[in-house]
């Protein structure tokens, strides 16, 4: 095998063949090496690879630099187009501006990943704030369509737009203050909070499972389930909380804000996700 696990035979092949058995954290390096060495030369396979790599990577901004991501998107795009999942569409079909939101900590306000769903941005603000122990804020802006590089929705239902923020002035965005969240979303929501410093993974998970089991029989909306996880975060490790939140995420769709999941399903899902953390 060559660089990033590439085959010794550099014959062009599909992304499915190249990325088989590769973890999602390995995909950015694999993509870069495959493109630079000419193995991923088919334009459609390049688009498939870029969509899969971006959406599968937990934090794209940490996995590669903004400059590298911008280069990859520009290589995929043709003049006057944007990437819609894996297809190129005319950018003229988009509205002149798109209202978008982003959850980020201080210093990362101008990242590439944005969403048209305030509900989704709020979920990330609470999830990432708890997981990192750092307060996350929500930002909004009207993004000109000329700055849109891609729209990704099919794989994760997050209404995600990749925006070239290097072409925008900082004054373009504004913070959505926490006191605005309830008003804009139309219901009470939990605020981001930090994790406790000390934790015992097994004990924390048992506490979390018990808390979910105490939920009402009618089930929980995603916001309520995330709020419950965050309220139960005292004494949990970062890894345990992330696992709990990810297990909750897998049971909800971002385009169905009123969906409810039973407490039994939540309990079973969380327990299965946390088997590796139990003593």
Protein backbone atom coordinates (compact mmCIF):
# COMPACT_ATOMS: atom_id res chain seq x y z
CA UNK A 1 0.00 0.00 0.00
CA UNK A 2 1.17 3.54 -0.73
CA UNK A 3 0.55 6.87 0.97
CA UNK A 4 -2.60 7.11 3.16
CA UNK A 5 -3.23 3.43 2.44
CA UNK A 6 -3.38 3.84 -1.35
CA UNK A 7 -2.85 0.70 -3.45
CA UNK A 8 0.54 0.20 -5.07
CA UNK A 9 -1.25 -0.02 -8.43
CA UNK A 10 -2.12 3.60 -9.28
CA UNK A 11 -4.76 2.71 -11.86
CA UNK A 12 -7.78 5.06 -11.58
CA UNK A 13 -10.62 3.53 -9.58
CA UNK A 14 -13.82 4.42 -7.74
CA UNK A 15 -13.97 6.14 -4.36
CA UNK A 16 -15.90 3.18 -2.98
CA UNK A 17 -12.98 0.92 -3.82
CA UNK A 18 -10.41 3.33 -2.41
CA UNK A 19 -12.22 4.10 0.84
CA UNK A 20 -13.39 0.60 1.68
CA UNK A 21 -12.39 -0.32 5.25
CA UNK A 22 -11.08 3.20 5.90
CA UNK A 23 -12.19 5.08 8.99
CA UNK A 24 -13.81 8.47 8.56
CA UNK A 25 -10.81 10.19 10.16
CA UNK A 26 -8.58 8.73 7.41
CA UNK A 27 -10.65 10.00 4.50
CA UNK A 28 -9.29 13.58 4.15
CA UNK A 29 -5.69 12.38 3.73
CA UNK A 30 -6.83 9.55 1.47
CA UNK A 31 -8.75 11.98 -0.74
CA UNK A 32 -5.84 14.40 -1.06
CA UNK A 33 -3.37 11.64 -1.93
CA UNK A 34 -5.76 9.97 -4.39
CA UNK A 35 -6.35 13.25 -6.24
CA UNK A 36 -2.70 14.33 -6.26
CA UNK A 37 -1.56 10.92 -7.56
CA UNK A 38 -4.18 10.75 -10.30
CA UNK A 39 -6.02 7.71 -8.91
CA UNK A 40 -9.27 9.64 -8.50
CA UNK A 41 -9.31 11.21 -11.95
CA UNK A 42 -12.98 10.74 -12.90
CA UNK A 43 -14.89 14.02 -12.19
CA UNK A 44 -17.97 12.25 -10.85
CA UNK A 45 -15.91 10.02 -8.56
CA UNK A 46 -14.11 13.12 -7.31
CA UNK A 47 -17.47 14.70 -6.43
CA UNK A 48 -18.63 11.53 -4.68
CA UNK A 49 -15.36 11.39 -2.74
CA UNK A 50 -15.52 15.03 -1.66
CA UNK A 51 -19.13 14.75 -0.48
CA UNK A 52 -18.41 11.56 1.44
CA UNK A 53 -15.22 12.91 3.00
CA UNK A 54 -16.75 16.20 4.10
CA UNK A 55 -19.95 14.73 5.55
CA UNK A 56 -18.27 11.72 7.18
CA UNK A 57 -15.55 13.73 8.92
CA UNK A 58 -16.72 14.77 12.39
CA UNK A 59 -14.93 18.16 12.36
CA UNK A 60 -13.73 18.97 8.80
CA UNK A 61 -12.10 22.20 9.98
CA UNK A 62 -9.80 20.24 12.28
CA UNK A 63 -9.05 17.48 9.77
CA UNK A 64 -7.67 19.87 7.13
CA UNK A 65 -7.01 23.58 6.69
CA UNK A 66 -9.60 25.92 5.25
CA UNK A 67 -7.27 26.60 2.35
CA UNK A 68 -7.07 22.91 1.48
CA UNK A 69 -10.84 22.45 1.60
CA UNK A 70 -11.35 25.51 -0.60
CA UNK A 71 -8.85 24.12 -3.11
CA UNK A 72 -10.66 20.76 -3.23
CA UNK A 73 -14.05 22.39 -3.78
CA UNK A 74 -12.68 24.67 -6.49
CA UNK A 75 -11.18 21.65 -8.26
CA UNK A 76 -14.59 19.96 -8.31
CA UNK A 77 -16.65 22.97 -9.39
CA UNK A 78 -17.15 24.29 -12.88
CA UNK A 79 -17.74 28.04 -13.49
CA UNK A 80 -21.18 29.13 -12.32
CA UNK A 81 -21.97 25.91 -10.40
CA UNK A 82 -22.16 24.58 -6.86
CA UNK A 83 -22.09 21.01 -5.58
CA UNK A 84 -25.52 19.65 -4.61
CA UNK A 85 -24.57 16.47 -2.74
CA UNK A 86 -22.74 14.79 -5.64
CA UNK A 87 -24.11 16.73 -8.63
CA UNK A 88 -23.18 20.10 -10.11
CA UNK A 89 -26.08 22.55 -10.39
CA UNK A 90 -26.22 26.13 -11.73
CA UNK A 91 -25.64 28.57 -8.90
CA UNK A 92 -28.20 30.86 -10.57
CA UNK A 93 -30.93 28.46 -9.37
CA UNK A 94 -30.25 29.46 -5.75
CA UNK A 95 -31.90 32.50 -4.13
CA UNK A 96 -29.82 35.69 -4.37
CA UNK A 97 -29.02 35.33 -0.65
CA UNK A 98 -29.47 32.49 1.82
CA UNK A 99 -30.16 33.01 5.55
CA UNK A 100 -27.74 30.61 7.25
CA UNK A 101 -26.59 29.81 10.79
CA UNK A 102 -23.46 28.43 12.39
CA UNK A 103 -22.61 27.16 15.87
CA UNK A 104 -19.00 27.93 16.83
CA UNK A 105 -16.70 28.81 19.67
CA UNK A 106 -14.72 32.06 19.79
CA UNK A 107 -12.22 32.28 16.95
CA UNK A 108 -14.10 29.90 14.64
CA UNK A 109 -17.02 32.11 13.64
CA UNK A 110 -15.99 32.22 9.99
CA UNK A 111 -15.77 28.50 9.25
CA UNK A 112 -17.05 26.99 6.02
CA UNK A 113 -19.94 24.93 7.45
CA UNK A 114 -23.34 26.67 7.80
CA UNK A 115 -26.96 25.53 7.86
CA UNK A 116 -30.30 27.01 6.93
CA UNK A 117 -31.78 25.32 10.03
CA UNK A 118 -31.60 27.28 13.29
CA UNK A 119 -32.77 24.09 15.01
CA UNK A 120 -29.71 22.29 13.66
CA UNK A 121 -27.37 25.12 14.69
CA UNK A 122 -28.83 25.07 18.20
CA UNK A 123 -28.32 21.32 18.44
CA UNK A 124 -24.65 21.70 17.52
CA UNK A 125 -24.21 24.60 19.94
CA UNK A 126 -25.46 22.51 22.84
CA UNK A 127 -23.75 19.30 21.78
CA UNK A 128 -20.33 20.78 21.02
CA UNK A 129 -20.46 23.09 24.00
CA UNK A 130 -20.97 20.14 26.31
CA UNK A 131 -18.42 17.91 24.58
CA UNK A 132 -15.62 20.47 24.52
CA UNK A 133 -16.35 22.24 27.79
CA UNK A 134 -16.26 25.53 25.86
CA UNK A 135 -19.19 27.82 25.26
CA UNK A 136 -20.51 27.76 21.69
CA UNK A 137 -22.46 30.62 20.17
CA UNK A 138 -24.81 30.77 17.20
CA UNK A 139 -24.14 33.14 14.31
CA UNK A 140 -26.32 34.08 11.36
CA UNK A 141 -25.81 35.86 8.06
CA UNK A 142 -27.33 36.31 4.62
CA UNK A 143 -24.85 34.54 2.36
CA UNK A 144 -24.72 35.67 -1.29
CA UNK A 145 -25.24 32.71 -3.58
CA UNK A 146 -21.90 33.43 -5.26
CA UNK A 147 -20.18 32.29 -2.05
CA UNK A 148 -21.94 28.90 -1.96
CA UNK A 149 -19.61 25.99 -2.70
CA UNK A 150 -21.89 23.08 -1.83
CA UNK A 151 -25.18 21.98 -0.33
CA UNK A 152 -25.11 18.68 1.60
CA UNK A 153 -28.35 17.24 2.93
CA UNK A 154 -28.97 13.68 1.71
CA UNK A 155 -26.54 11.90 4.02
CA UNK A 156 -27.12 13.69 7.37
CA UNK A 157 -30.27 15.82 6.97
CA UNK A 158 -28.47 18.89 8.34
CA UNK A 159 -29.39 21.39 5.59
CA UNK A 160 -25.68 22.19 5.37
CA UNK A 161 -24.24 24.82 3.05
CA UNK A 162 -20.50 25.11 2.55
CA UNK A 163 -19.82 28.84 2.29
CA UNK A 164 -16.58 30.49 1.14
CA UNK A 165 -16.45 32.96 4.02
CA UNK A 166 -13.05 34.24 2.85
CA UNK A 167 -15.02 36.34 0.36
CA UNK A 168 -17.15 37.96 3.04
CA UNK A 169 -16.50 40.76 5.52
CA UNK A 170 -16.83 39.93 9.24
CA UNK A 171 -19.63 42.46 9.50
CA UNK A 172 -21.75 40.18 7.30
CA UNK A 173 -22.52 37.90 10.25
CA UNK A 174 -24.10 38.63 13.62
CA UNK A 175 -24.50 36.65 16.81
CA UNK A 176 -27.89 35.18 17.66
CA UNK A 177 -27.98 35.85 21.39
CA UNK A 178 -29.10 33.00 23.69
CA UNK A 179 -32.13 34.98 24.81
CA UNK A 180 -33.29 35.00 21.17
CA UNK A 181 -33.17 31.22 20.77
CA UNK A 182 -36.46 30.42 22.48
CA UNK A 183 -38.28 33.17 20.61
CA UNK A 184 -36.93 32.17 17.20
CA UNK A 185 -37.48 28.44 17.72
CA UNK A 186 -40.86 28.89 19.37
CA UNK A 187 -40.28 26.79 22.50
CA UNK A 188 -38.08 26.61 25.63
CA UNK A 189 -34.65 25.14 24.95
CA UNK A 190 -31.62 24.21 26.97
CA UNK A 191 -28.56 26.48 27.07
CA UNK A 192 -25.07 25.14 26.38
CA UNK A 193 -23.23 24.12 29.52
CA UNK A 194 -19.79 22.81 30.40
CA UNK A 195 -18.87 19.38 31.66
CA UNK A 196 -17.74 18.68 35.18
CA UNK A 197 -13.99 18.23 35.51
CA UNK A 198 -14.01 14.81 37.21
CA UNK A 199 -15.83 11.73 36.00
CA UNK A 200 -16.03 7.99 36.12
CA UNK A 201 -17.29 6.79 32.70
CA UNK A 202 -19.24 3.76 33.90
CA UNK A 203 -20.99 5.55 36.75
CA UNK A 204 -21.85 8.54 34.59
CA UNK A 205 -23.41 6.39 31.91
CA UNK A 206 -25.56 4.51 34.40
CA UNK A 207 -26.78 7.84 35.76
CA UNK A 208 -27.54 9.05 32.25
CA UNK A 209 -29.43 5.88 31.33
CA UNK A 210 -31.54 6.15 34.48
CA UNK A 211 -32.38 9.75 33.66
CA UNK A 212 -33.54 8.90 30.17
CA UNK A 213 -35.65 6.06 31.52
CA UNK A 214 -37.50 8.53 33.74
CA UNK A 215 -38.77 10.49 30.71
CA UNK A 216 -42.48 10.57 29.95
CA UNK A 217 -44.12 7.74 28.02
CA UNK A 218 -45.02 10.11 25.18
CA UNK A 219 -41.37 10.33 24.19
CA UNK A 220 -38.99 13.25 23.71
CA UNK A 221 -38.38 15.67 20.89
CA UNK A 222 -34.74 16.03 19.84
CA UNK A 223 -34.37 19.33 21.70
CA UNK A 224 -35.81 17.76 24.83
CA UNK A 225 -33.58 14.69 24.52
CA UNK A 226 -30.46 16.81 24.03
CA UNK A 227 -31.50 18.99 26.94
CA UNK A 228 -31.90 15.90 29.10
CA UNK A 229 -28.42 14.65 28.17
CA UNK A 230 -26.92 18.04 28.96
CA UNK A 231 -28.72 18.31 32.29
CA UNK A 232 -27.29 14.92 33.20
CA UNK A 233 -23.74 15.92 32.19
CA UNK A 234 -22.44 16.59 35.68
CA UNK A 235 -19.64 14.11 36.37
CA UNK A 236 -19.49 12.67 32.85
CA UNK A 237 -16.32 12.50 30.81
CA UNK A 238 -16.17 14.26 27.46
CA UNK A 239 -16.08 10.91 25.64
CA UNK A 240 -19.16 9.61 27.46
CA UNK A 241 -21.14 12.75 26.73
CA UNK A 242 -20.19 12.77 23.05
CA UNK A 243 -21.21 9.12 22.75
CA UNK A 244 -24.54 9.87 24.43
CA UNK A 245 -25.26 12.84 22.19
CA UNK A 246 -24.28 10.97 19.04
CA UNK A 247 -26.56 8.11 19.99
CA UNK A 248 -29.40 10.60 20.40
CA UNK A 249 -28.58 12.21 17.05
CA UNK A 250 -28.91 8.90 15.24
CA UNK A 251 -32.56 8.65 16.29
CA UNK A 252 -33.72 12.02 14.97
CA UNK A 253 -34.07 13.78 11.64
CA UNK A 254 -33.17 17.46 11.41
CA UNK A 255 -36.04 18.06 9.00
CA UNK A 256 -38.59 16.72 11.53
CA UNK A 257 -38.31 19.03 14.58
CA UNK A 258 -41.49 17.67 16.20
CA UNK A 259 -40.45 14.01 15.97
CA UNK A 260 -40.59 12.17 19.30
CA UNK A 261 -38.60 9.11 20.32
CA UNK A 262 -39.71 6.88 23.16
CA UNK A 263 -37.67 6.77 26.36
CA UNK A 264 -37.23 3.01 25.88
CA UNK A 265 -35.67 3.49 22.46
CA UNK A 266 -33.40 6.24 23.77
CA UNK A 267 -32.29 4.11 26.69
CA UNK A 268 -31.51 1.12 24.47
CA UNK A 269 -29.65 3.27 21.95
CA UNK A 270 -27.53 5.00 24.59
CA UNK A 271 -26.75 1.73 26.37
CA UNK A 272 -25.58 0.12 23.12
CA UNK A 273 -23.43 3.14 22.23
CA UNK A 274 -21.75 3.13 25.63
CA UNK A 275 -20.84 -0.52 25.98
CA UNK A 276 -17.17 0.34 25.46
CA UNK A 277 -17.21 2.80 28.37
CA UNK A 278 -18.56 0.48 31.02
CA UNK A 279 -16.03 -0.80 33.59
